[in-house]
C-alpha atoms as a PDB file:
ATOM      1  CA  MET A   1      22.375  48.123 253.912  1.00  0.00           C
ATOM      2  CA  PHE A   2      24.933  47.496 250.483  1.00  0.00           C
ATOM      3  CA  PHE A   3      23.906  50.431 248.998  1.00  0.00           C
ATOM      4  CA  HIS A   4      23.966  52.520 252.800  1.00  0.00           C
ATOM      5  CA  SER A   5      27.652  50.473 253.175  1.00  0.00           C
ATOM      6  CA  LEU A   6      28.774  51.784 249.454  1.00  0.00           C
ATOM      7  CA  PHE A   7      28.122  55.204 250.558  1.00  0.00           C
ATOM      8  CA  PHE A   8      29.376  55.044 253.750  1.00  0.00           C
ATOM      9  CA  LEU A   9      32.127  54.059 251.594  1.00  0.00           C
ATOM     10  CA  TYR A  10      32.728  56.419 249.404  1.00  0.00           C
ATOM     11  CA  LEU A  11      33.064  59.177 252.770  1.00  0.00           C
ATOM     12  CA  LEU A  12      35.728  57.289 254.366  1.00  0.00           C
ATOM     13  CA  GLU A  13      37.887  57.313 251.030  1.00  0.00           C
ATOM     14  CA  HIS A  14      37.139  60.707 249.767  1.00  0.00           C
ATOM     15  CA  LEU A  15      35.821  63.557 252.483  1.00  0.00           C
ATOM     16  CA  LYS A  16      38.526  65.047 254.296  1.00  0.00           C
ATOM     17  CA  TRP A  17      37.426  64.963 257.578  1.00  0.00           C
ATOM     18  CA  THR A  18      40.998  67.376 258.923  1.00  0.00           C
ATOM     19  CA  ASN A  19      40.090  71.092 259.082  1.00  0.00           C
ATOM     20  CA  LYS A  20      42.945  73.101 258.265  1.00  0.00           C
ATOM     21  CA  THR A  21      42.264  75.840 260.230  1.00  0.00           C
ATOM     22  CA  ARG A  22      42.302  73.573 262.710  1.00  0.00           C
ATOM     23  CA  HIS A  23      44.727  70.466 262.272  1.00  0.00           C
ATOM     24  CA  ASN A  24      47.977  71.887 261.020  1.00  0.00           C
ATOM     25  CA  ASP A  25      50.159  68.764 261.829  1.00  0.00           C
ATOM     26  CA  LYS A  26      51.006  66.562 259.535  1.00  0.00           C
ATOM     27  CA  GLN A  27      51.581  63.270 262.173  1.00  0.00           C
ATOM     28  CA  THR A  28      47.286  64.201 263.047  1.00  0.00           C
ATOM     29  CA  ARG A  29      46.662  63.966 259.150  1.00  0.00           C
ATOM     30  CA  GLN A  30      48.020  60.751 258.853  1.00  0.00           C
ATOM     31  CA  ASN A  31      46.752  59.443 261.373  1.00  0.00           C
ATOM     32  CA  ASN A  32      43.097  60.564 259.762  1.00  0.00           C
ATOM     33  CA  SER A  33      44.269  59.064 256.765  1.00  0.00           C
ATOM     34  CA  TYR A  34      45.164  56.000 258.322  1.00  0.00           C
ATOM     35  CA  ALA A  35      41.342  56.092 260.643  1.00  0.00           C
ATOM     36  CA  ARG A  36      40.083  56.425 257.354  1.00  0.00           C
ATOM     37  CA  VAL A  37      41.432  53.403 256.171  1.00  0.00           C
ATOM     38  CA  VAL A  38      41.144  51.035 258.566  1.00  0.00           C
ATOM     39  CA  LEU A  39      37.761  52.644 259.261  1.00  0.00           C
ATOM     40  CA  ALA A  40      37.209  51.884 255.498  1.00  0.00           C
ATOM     41  CA  LEU A  41      38.035  47.799 255.446  1.00  0.00           C
ATOM     42  CA  ILE A  42      36.085  47.387 258.620  1.00  0.00           C
ATOM     43  CA  SER A  43      33.277  48.748 256.417  1.00  0.00           C
ATOM     44  CA  PHE A  44      33.492  46.316 252.988  1.00  0.00           C
ATOM     45  CA  PHE A  45      34.093  43.452 255.617  1.00  0.00           C
ATOM     46  CA  LEU A  46      30.977  43.878 257.533  1.00  0.00           C
ATOM     47  CA  ILE A  47      29.283  44.192 253.721  1.00  0.00           C
ATOM     48  CA  ALA A  48      30.328  40.354 253.359  1.00  0.00           C
ATOM     49  CA  LEU A  49      29.531  39.775 256.875  1.00  0.00           C
ATOM     50  CA  LEU A  50      25.846  40.373 256.967  1.00  0.00           C
ATOM     51  CA  ASP A  51      25.587  39.099 253.546  1.00  0.00           C
ATOM     52  CA  ALA A  52      27.059  35.393 254.497  1.00  0.00           C
ATOM     53  CA  PHE A  53      25.019  35.428 258.304  1.00  0.00           C
ATOM     54  CA  ASP A  54      22.015  36.626 255.672  1.00  0.00           C
ATOM     55  CA  GLY A  55      22.910  33.659 253.147  1.00  0.00           C
ATOM     56  CA  HIS A  56      23.106  31.247 256.056  1.00  0.00           C
ATOM     57  CA  ALA A  57      19.866  32.317 258.335  1.00  0.00           C
ATOM     58  CA  ALA A  58      17.947  31.773 255.531  1.00  0.00           C
ATOM     59  CA  ARG A  59      18.667  28.511 254.404  1.00  0.00           C
ATOM     60  CA  ALA A  60      18.841  27.452 257.824  1.00  0.00           C
ATOM     61  CA  LEU A  61      15.253  29.054 258.782  1.00  0.00           C
ATOM     62  CA  ASN A  62      14.454  27.088 254.702  1.00  0.00           C
ATOM     63  CA  GLN A  63      13.129  30.866 253.260  1.00  0.00           C
ATOM     64  CA  SER A  64      15.384  30.664 250.937  1.00  0.00           C
ATOM     65  CA  THR A  65      14.493  31.945 247.666  1.00  0.00           C
ATOM     66  CA  LYS A  66      15.502  32.782 243.986  1.00  0.00           C
ATOM     67  CA  PHE A  67      15.667  36.513 244.773  1.00  0.00           C
ATOM     68  CA  GLY A  68      17.444  36.504 247.655  1.00  0.00           C
ATOM     69  CA  ALA A  69      19.807  34.403 245.266  1.00  0.00           C
ATOM     70  CA  MET A  70      20.435  37.036 242.820  1.00  0.00           C
ATOM     71  CA  MET A  71      20.085  40.027 245.616  1.00  0.00           C
ATOM     72  CA  ASP A  72      23.274  38.027 247.232  1.00  0.00           C
ATOM     73  CA  MET A  73      24.893  37.345 243.911  1.00  0.00           C
ATOM     74  CA  LEU A  74      24.500  41.510 243.509  1.00  0.00           C
ATOM     75  CA  THR A  75      25.928  42.507 246.808  1.00  0.00           C
ATOM     76  CA  ASP A  76      28.923  40.409 246.466  1.00  0.00           C
ATOM     77  CA  ARG A  77      29.864  41.517 242.671  1.00  0.00           C
ATOM     78  CA  CYS A  78      29.354  44.818 243.551  1.00  0.00           C
ATOM     79  CA  ALA A  79      31.020  45.296 246.529  1.00  0.00           C
ATOM     80  CA  THR A  80      33.998  43.195 244.663  1.00  0.00           C
ATOM     81  CA  MET A  81      33.901  44.799 241.692  1.00  0.00           C
ATOM     82  CA  CYS A  82      33.750  48.481 243.442  1.00  0.00           C
ATOM     83  CA  LEU A  83      37.056  47.227 245.493  1.00  0.00           C
ATOM     84  CA  LEU A  84      38.928  46.447 242.318  1.00  0.00           C
ATOM     85  CA  VAL A  85      38.195  49.531 240.239  1.00  0.00           C
ATOM     86  CA  ASN A  86      39.661  51.208 243.186  1.00  0.00           C
ATOM     87  CA  LEU A  87      42.391  49.241 243.278  1.00  0.00           C
ATOM     88  CA  SER A  88      42.854  50.029 239.478  1.00  0.00           C
ATOM     89  CA  LEU A  89      43.583  53.497 240.523  1.00  0.00           C
ATOM     90  CA  LEU A  90      45.622  52.471 243.245  1.00  0.00           C
ATOM     91  CA  TYR A  91      48.287  50.301 241.028  1.00  0.00           C
ATOM     92  CA  PRO A  92      47.646  51.582 237.237  1.00  0.00           C
ATOM     93  CA  ALA A  93      50.436  49.104 236.016  1.00  0.00           C
ATOM     94  CA  TYR A  94      47.960  46.270 237.139  1.00  0.00           C
ATOM     95  CA  THR A  95      44.696  47.512 235.822  1.00  0.00           C
ATOM     96  CA  PHE A  96      44.142  44.897 232.529  1.00  0.00           C
ATOM     97  CA  LEU A  97      44.620  42.550 235.454  1.00  0.00           C
ATOM     98  CA  PHE A  98      42.059  43.666 237.856  1.00  0.00           C
ATOM     99  CA  GLN A  99      40.203  44.298 234.450  1.00  0.00           C
ATOM    100  CA  VAL A 100      40.233  40.752 233.792  1.00  0.00           C
ATOM    101  CA  SER A 101      39.768  39.533 238.023  1.00  0.00           C
ATOM    102  CA  MET A 102      36.069  41.871 237.101  1.00  0.00           C
ATOM    103  CA  CYS A 103      35.320  40.805 233.924  1.00  0.00           C
ATOM    104  CA  LEU A 104      35.678  36.783 234.527  1.00  0.00           C
ATOM    105  CA  ASP A 105      34.264  36.998 238.060  1.00  0.00           C
ATOM    106  CA  ILE A 106      31.107  38.432 236.693  1.00  0.00           C
ATOM    107  CA  SER A 107      31.029  36.654 234.116  1.00  0.00           C
ATOM    108  CA  SER A 108      31.063  33.244 235.376  1.00  0.00           C
ATOM    109  CA  HIS A 109      29.011  34.084 238.355  1.00  0.00           C
ATOM    110  CA  TRP A 110      25.833  35.385 236.439  1.00  0.00           C
ATOM    111  CA  LEU A 111      25.842  32.292 233.472  1.00  0.00           C
ATOM    112  CA  HIS A 112      26.206  29.839 236.349  1.00  0.00           C
ATOM    113  CA  LEU A 113      23.656  31.670 238.095  1.00  0.00           C
ATOM    114  CA  HIS A 114      21.216  31.943 235.155  1.00  0.00           C
ATOM    115  CA  SER A 115      21.869  28.161 234.492  1.00  0.00           C
ATOM    116  CA  SER A 116      21.098  27.250 237.646  1.00  0.00           C
ATOM    117  CA  THR A 117      17.789  29.404 237.912  1.00  0.00           C
ATOM    118  CA  ILE A 118      16.902  27.826 234.261  1.00  0.00           C
ATOM    119  CA  LYS A 119      17.401  24.264 236.011  1.00  0.00           C
ATOM    120  CA  GLY A 120      15.199  25.419 238.939  1.00  0.00           C
ATOM    121  CA  SER A 121      17.776  25.528 241.599  1.00  0.00           C
ATOM    122  CA  VAL A 122      16.401  27.855 244.992  1.00  0.00           C
ATOM    123  CA  SER A 123      20.240  29.174 245.070  1.00  0.00           C
ATOM    124  CA  HIS A 124      23.521  29.057 242.423  1.00  0.00           C
ATOM    125  CA  LYS A 125      25.155  27.615 245.488  1.00  0.00           C
ATOM    126  CA  SER A 126      22.765  24.073 245.110  1.00  0.00           C
ATOM    127  CA  ILE A 127      24.672  22.108 242.319  1.00  0.00           C
ATOM    128  CA  ASP A 128      23.680  18.670 241.367  1.00  0.00           C
ATOM    129  CA  LEU A 129      26.467  16.337 243.455  1.00  0.00           C
ATOM    130  CA  SER A 130      26.512  14.483 239.885  1.00  0.00           C
ATOM    131  CA  GLY A 131      27.688  17.453 238.321  1.00  0.00           C
ATOM    132  CA  ASN A 132      32.101  18.378 238.698  1.00  0.00           C
ATOM    133  CA  PRO A 133      33.514  17.470 240.866  1.00  0.00           C
ATOM    134  CA  ILE A 134      35.457  20.237 241.375  1.00  0.00           C
ATOM    135  CA  LEU A 135      32.171  22.236 241.399  1.00  0.00           C
ATOM    136  CA  ARG A 136      30.798  19.400 244.161  1.00  0.00           C
ATOM    137  CA  VAL A 137      34.164  20.457 246.334  1.00  0.00           C
ATOM    138  CA  TYR A 138      33.047  23.540 246.588  1.00  0.00           C
ATOM    139  CA  TYR A 139      30.138  24.025 247.271  1.00  0.00           C
ATOM    140  CA  THR A 140      29.579  21.080 249.760  1.00  0.00           C
ATOM    141  CA  SER A 141      28.047  21.686 253.116  1.00  0.00           C
ATOM    142  CA  LYS A 142      28.012  20.746 256.578  1.00  0.00           C
ATOM    143  CA  GLY A 143      24.494  22.039 257.597  1.00  0.00           C
ATOM    144  CA  THR A 144      24.430  25.849 256.483  1.00  0.00           C
ATOM    145  CA  PHE A 145      28.332  26.042 256.206  1.00  0.00           C
ATOM    146  CA  THR A 146      29.909  25.533 253.348  1.00  0.00           C
ATOM    147  CA  PRO A 147      33.903  25.573 254.293  1.00  0.00           C
ATOM    148  CA  VAL A 148      36.054  25.865 250.982  1.00  0.00           C
ATOM    149  CA  LEU A 149      33.473  27.965 249.729  1.00  0.00           C
ATOM    150  CA  PHE A 150      34.027  30.821 252.743  1.00  0.00           C
ATOM    151  CA  VAL A 151      38.254  30.115 252.673  1.00  0.00           C
ATOM    152  CA  MET A 152      38.215  30.639 249.002  1.00  0.00           C
ATOM    153  CA  CYS A 153      35.720  33.542 249.258  1.00  0.00           C
ATOM    154  CA  ALA A 154      37.262  35.446 252.550  1.00  0.00           C
ATOM    155  CA  GLY A 155      41.423  35.024 251.435  1.00  0.00           C
ATOM    156  CA  ASN A 156      40.034  36.595 247.827  1.00  0.00           C
ATOM    157  CA  GLU A 157      38.414  39.146 249.291  1.00  0.00           C
ATOM    158  CA  LEU A 158      40.965  39.240 252.037  1.00  0.00           C
ATOM    159  CA  PHE A 159      43.833  39.861 249.222  1.00  0.00           C
ATOM    160  CA  PHE A 160      42.067  42.866 247.321  1.00  0.00           C
ATOM    161  CA  CYS A 161      41.807  44.472 251.175  1.00  0.00           C
ATOM    162  CA  LEU A 162      45.360  43.629 252.078  1.00  0.00           C
ATOM    163  CA  LEU A 163      46.629  45.963 248.152  1.00  0.00           C
ATOM    164  CA  TYR A 164      44.476  48.706 249.327  1.00  0.00           C
ATOM    165  CA  LEU A 165      45.866  48.955 252.884  1.00  0.00           C
ATOM    166  CA  LEU A 166      49.646  48.530 252.140  1.00  0.00           C
ATOM    167  CA  HIS A 167      48.821  51.110 249.419  1.00  0.00           C
ATOM    168  CA  HIS A 168      48.458  53.386 252.192  1.00  0.00           C
ATOM    169  CA  ILE A 169      51.456  52.384 254.701  1.00  0.00           C
ATOM    170  CA  GLU A 170      53.499  54.966 254.745  1.00  0.00           C
ATOM    171  CA  GLU A 171      57.063  53.220 256.367  1.00  0.00           C
ATOM    172  CA  PRO A 172      58.778  53.752 259.161  1.00  0.00           C
ATOM    173  CA  ALA A 173      54.411  54.848 260.540  1.00  0.00           C
ATOM    174  CA  VAL A 174      54.228  51.335 260.990  1.00  0.00           C
ATOM    175  CA  CYS A 175      57.008  48.448 262.449  1.00  0.00           C
ATOM    176  CA  VAL A 176      58.478  46.694 259.881  1.00  0.00           C
ATOM    177  CA  SER A 177      57.378  43.472 262.060  1.00  0.00           C
ATOM    178  CA  VAL A 178      53.551  44.332 260.890  1.00  0.00           C
ATOM    179  CA  THR A 179      54.536  45.257 257.353  1.00  0.00           C
ATOM    180  CA  GLY A 180      56.176  41.926 257.492  1.00  0.00           C
ATOM    181  CA  TRP A 181      53.054  39.851 258.264  1.00  0.00           C
ATOM    182  CA  LEU A 182      51.008  42.101 256.110  1.00  0.00           C
ATOM    183  CA  TYR A 183      53.425  40.851 253.050  1.00  0.00           C
ATOM    184  CA  ALA A 184      53.351  37.523 254.277  1.00  0.00           C
ATOM    185  CA  LEU A 185      49.495  37.275 254.893  1.00  0.00           C
ATOM    186  CA  LEU A 186      49.256  39.107 251.568  1.00  0.00           C
ATOM    187  CA  LEU A 187      51.604  35.750 249.732  1.00  0.00           C
ATOM    188  CA  VAL A 188      48.657  33.664 251.025  1.00  0.00           C
ATOM    189  CA  CYS A 189      46.435  34.970 250.001  1.00  0.00           C
ATOM    190  CA  ALA A 190      47.393  35.623 246.247  1.00  0.00           C
ATOM    191  CA  LEU A 191      47.755  31.688 246.589  1.00  0.00           C
ATOM    192  CA  ILE A 192      43.783  32.029 247.458  1.00  0.00           C
ATOM    193  CA  SER A 193      42.623  34.311 245.258  1.00  0.00           C
ATOM    194  CA  LEU A 194      45.000  32.715 242.016  1.00  0.00           C
ATOM    195  CA  ALA A 195      42.907  29.076 242.998  1.00  0.00           C
ATOM    196  CA  LYS A 196      39.642  31.065 243.044  1.00  0.00           C
ATOM    197  CA  ALA A 197      40.117  32.715 239.583  1.00  0.00           C
ATOM    198  CA  ALA A 198      40.590  28.725 238.491  1.00  0.00           C
ATOM    199  CA  ILE A 199      37.228  28.038 240.431  1.00  0.00           C
ATOM    200  CA  SER A 200      35.981  30.692 238.729  1.00  0.00           C
ATOM    201  CA  VAL A 201      36.536  28.855 235.056  1.00  0.00           C
ATOM    202  CA  VAL A 202      35.369  26.089 235.914  1.00  0.00           C
ATOM    203  CA  HIS A 203      32.254  27.481 236.350  1.00  0.00           C
ATOM    204  CA  LEU A 204      32.567  29.535 233.181  1.00  0.00           C
ATOM    205  CA  VAL A 205      33.031  26.727 231.349  1.00  0.00           C
ATOM    206  CA  THR A 206      30.346  23.723 234.054  1.00  0.00           C
ATOM    207  CA  ALA A 207      27.570  26.531 233.284  1.00  0.00           C
ATOM    208  CA  SER A 208      28.046  27.081 229.284  1.00  0.00           C
ATOM    209  CA  GLN A 209      27.778  23.437 228.982  1.00  0.00           C
ATOM    210  CA  ASN A 210      24.848  23.466 231.106  1.00  0.00           C
ATOM    211  CA  MET A 211      23.692  26.391 228.911  1.00  0.00           C
ATOM    212  CA  ALA A 212      24.665  24.453 225.731  1.00  0.00           C
ATOM    213  CA  ALA A 213      22.702  20.813 227.509  1.00  0.00           C
ATOM    214  CA  LEU A 214      19.555  22.845 228.261  1.00  0.00           C
ATOM    215  CA  ASP A 215      19.025  24.617 224.029  1.00  0.00           C
ATOM    216  CA  THR A 216      19.504  21.616 223.095  1.00  0.00           C
ATOM    217  CA  ALA A 217      17.472  19.111 226.109  1.00  0.00           C
ATOM    218  CA  GLU A 218      14.235  22.140 224.876  1.00  0.00           C
ATOM    219  CA  ARG A 219      14.835  22.088 220.398  1.00  0.00           C
ATOM    220  CA  GLN A 220      14.600  18.148 220.786  1.00  0.00           C
ATOM    221  CA  SER A 221      11.716  18.598 223.042  1.00  0.00           C
ATOM    222  CA  ALA A 222       9.712  21.199 220.376  1.00  0.00           C
ATOM    223  CA  LYS A 223      10.941  18.418 217.502  1.00  0.00           C
ATOM    224  CA  LYS A 224       8.465  15.512 219.289  1.00  0.00           C
ATOM    225  CA  GLN A 225       5.693  18.213 219.407  1.00  0.00           C
END
C-alpha cells in the first residue's frame, strides 16, 4: 500500500495530464495542474491516515508485533522524507533546513526505536513511565489514542503539505482570503513543527543515554561472568 501510494504521488507530480493537441487553453492546463497538487496532497494524507488506523487497530486487537513497529516507523519516515526532498527542489534556498529536518527525524526515531526494541518494548510508543517527562506526555495515550502525538505529527505533516500547496498557488487564481487563511494555518503548523523538532532532539538524547546504559549493563554483566 505504501509503495503504491508513493508511485501514485510520483505520477501525479510528473505526468502530463493534458494532451497538447486537444487542450491548448491556458486555464484548462492551470486547472489540471491544481488538480494534480490537490490529489497529491490527498494521496499523502491517505498514507498517514491508513498508517494511523493500522497502528490503532493492531494495539486495540492486541496484535502489535516488532515487525509492525518497524514498518510503522519506516512508512512514516520514508513518506516524510520524500515530501521534504520535493520541497528542497521547490524551495532551494531552504534546502539545508530540510536536510537538517530529515537527518534529525530519521536519526532520532531510528535510535529511539532501536533502543526500545533492545529493551524489549514491542513498540517505540511503549515507554517507561518513569523515564523522560517530555516523552511521557508525548506518548501518553487515552485508550489506543495518543492526543499529543497525533497533534504533533498531524501539524508537522500539514506544515510541509502547506509549503507544497502554497508554492503552486498562483494569484489571483485563488481568492486572497483563502490564501490568508492558509498562511495563518501555516504559521500555526510551523510552531508545531518546531516543537516536534525539539521533541526529536529529546528522542535522540534520551535514546543515546539508554543505549549507553545498556552497553554499561552488558559490560558489567560480562565481567561478573
